[in-house]
Amino acid sequence: METSKKSNDHDDQRSALEDVEHLSKIVAAKEEEVQNWLRIFKEKKVLELELINSFWCSLS
């Protein structure tokens, strides 16, 4: 009985560790996705500012 409980505890710990590793990979992928969106947003803002600057320069 005691051996069975230890085996189940060990299986539960292994399962929990696998869950944590899986979730860590998901979080890392989401962090990368957020960084990509931030990069795209910054590039878009730079382009918008360049267009605005060009427009104002063309008026003078």
C-alpha atoms as a PDB file:
ATOM      1  CA  MET A   1       0.000   0.000   0.000  1.00  0.00           C
ATOM      2  CA  GLU A   2       2.775   2.435   0.975  1.00  0.00           C
ATOM      3  CA  THR A   3       4.742   1.596  -2.182  1.00  0.00           C
ATOM      4  CA  SER A   4       1.673   2.230  -4.321  1.00  0.00           C
ATOM      5  CA  LYS A   5       1.153   5.631  -2.668  1.00  0.00           C
ATOM      6  CA  LYS A   6       4.801   6.589  -3.255  1.00  0.00           C
ATOM      7  CA  SER A   7       4.505   5.502  -6.879  1.00  0.00           C
ATOM      8  CA  ASN A   8       1.344   7.581  -7.328  1.00  0.00           C
ATOM      9  CA  ASP A   9       2.994  10.588  -5.657  1.00  0.00           C
ATOM     10  CA  HIS A  10       5.984  10.214  -7.970  1.00  0.00           C
ATOM     11  CA  ASP A  11       3.690   9.984 -11.015  1.00  0.00           C
ATOM     12  CA  ASP A  12       1.789  13.071  -9.824  1.00  0.00           C
ATOM     13  CA  GLN A  13       5.049  14.982  -9.397  1.00  0.00           C
ATOM     14  CA  ARG A  14       6.241  13.938 -12.860  1.00  0.00           C
ATOM     15  CA  SER A  15       2.899  14.937 -14.361  1.00  0.00           C
ATOM     16  CA  ALA A  16       2.993  18.297 -12.581  1.00  0.00           C
ATOM     17  CA  LEU A  17       6.548  18.901 -13.804  1.00  0.00           C
ATOM     18  CA  GLU A  18       5.511  18.083 -17.372  1.00  0.00           C
ATOM     19  CA  ASP A  19       2.580  20.503 -17.022  1.00  0.00           C
ATOM     20  CA  VAL A  20       4.910  23.252 -15.795  1.00  0.00           C
ATOM     21  CA  GLU A  21       7.352  22.621 -18.643  1.00  0.00           C
ATOM     22  CA  HIS A  22       4.505  22.710 -21.169  1.00  0.00           C
ATOM     23  CA  LEU A  23       3.103  25.935 -19.715  1.00  0.00           C
ATOM     24  CA  SER A  24       6.586  27.472 -19.678  1.00  0.00           C
ATOM     25  CA  LYS A  25       6.889  26.777 -23.403  1.00  0.00           C
ATOM     26  CA  ILE A  26       3.484  28.376 -24.013  1.00  0.00           C
ATOM     27  CA  VAL A  27       4.475  31.461 -22.005  1.00  0.00           C
ATOM     28  CA  ALA A  28       7.773  31.745 -23.893  1.00  0.00           C
ATOM     29  CA  ALA A  29       5.942  31.522 -27.223  1.00  0.00           C
ATOM     30  CA  LYS A  30       3.440  34.187 -26.132  1.00  0.00           C
ATOM     31  CA  GLU A  31       6.267  36.452 -24.951  1.00  0.00           C
ATOM     32  CA  GLU A  32       7.896  36.096 -28.362  1.00  0.00           C
ATOM     33  CA  GLU A  33       4.572  36.883 -30.042  1.00  0.00           C
ATOM     34  CA  VAL A  34       4.163  40.021 -27.903  1.00  0.00           C
ATOM     35  CA  GLN A  35       7.707  41.133 -28.758  1.00  0.00           C
ATOM     36  CA  ASN A  36       6.943  40.653 -32.459  1.00  0.00           C
ATOM     37  CA  TRP A  37       3.774  42.744 -32.174  1.00  0.00           C
ATOM     38  CA  LEU A  38       5.681  45.469 -30.305  1.00  0.00           C
ATOM     39  CA  ARG A  39       8.336  45.503 -33.025  1.00  0.00           C
ATOM     40  CA  ILE A  40       5.655  45.774 -35.727  1.00  0.00           C
ATOM     41  CA  PHE A  41       3.894  48.551 -33.802  1.00  0.00           C
ATOM     42  CA  LYS A  42       7.136  50.506 -33.373  1.00  0.00           C
ATOM     43  CA  GLU A  43       8.003  50.103 -37.060  1.00  0.00           C
ATOM     44  CA  LYS A  44       4.519  51.309 -38.007  1.00  0.00           C
ATOM     45  CA  LYS A  45       4.834  54.336 -35.718  1.00  0.00           C
ATOM     46  CA  VAL A  46       8.233  55.212 -37.189  1.00  0.00           C
ATOM     47  CA  LEU A  47       6.789  55.018 -40.699  1.00  0.00           C
ATOM     48  CA  GLU A  48       3.841  57.202 -39.690  1.00  0.00           C
ATOM     49  CA  LEU A  49       6.158  59.783 -38.150  1.00  0.00           C
ATOM     50  CA  GLU A  50       8.344  59.767 -41.270  1.00  0.00           C
ATOM     51  CA  LEU A  51       5.280  60.329 -43.453  1.00  0.00           C
ATOM     52  CA  ILE A  52       4.076  63.179 -41.244  1.00  0.00           C
ATOM     53  CA  ASN A  53       7.536  64.722 -41.270  1.00  0.00           C
ATOM     54  CA  SER A  54       7.724  64.437 -45.065  1.00  0.00           C
ATOM     55  CA  PHE A  55       4.316  66.045 -45.380  1.00  0.00           C
ATOM     56  CA  TRP A  56       5.264  68.999 -43.180  1.00  0.00           C
ATOM     57  CA  CYS A  57       8.593  69.394 -44.967  1.00  0.00           C
ATOM     58  CA  SER A  58       6.821  69.447 -48.319  1.00  0.00           C
ATOM     59  CA  LEU A  59       4.623  72.322 -47.114  1.00  0.00           C
ATOM     60  CA  SER A  60       7.557  74.571 -46.383  1.00  0.00           C
END
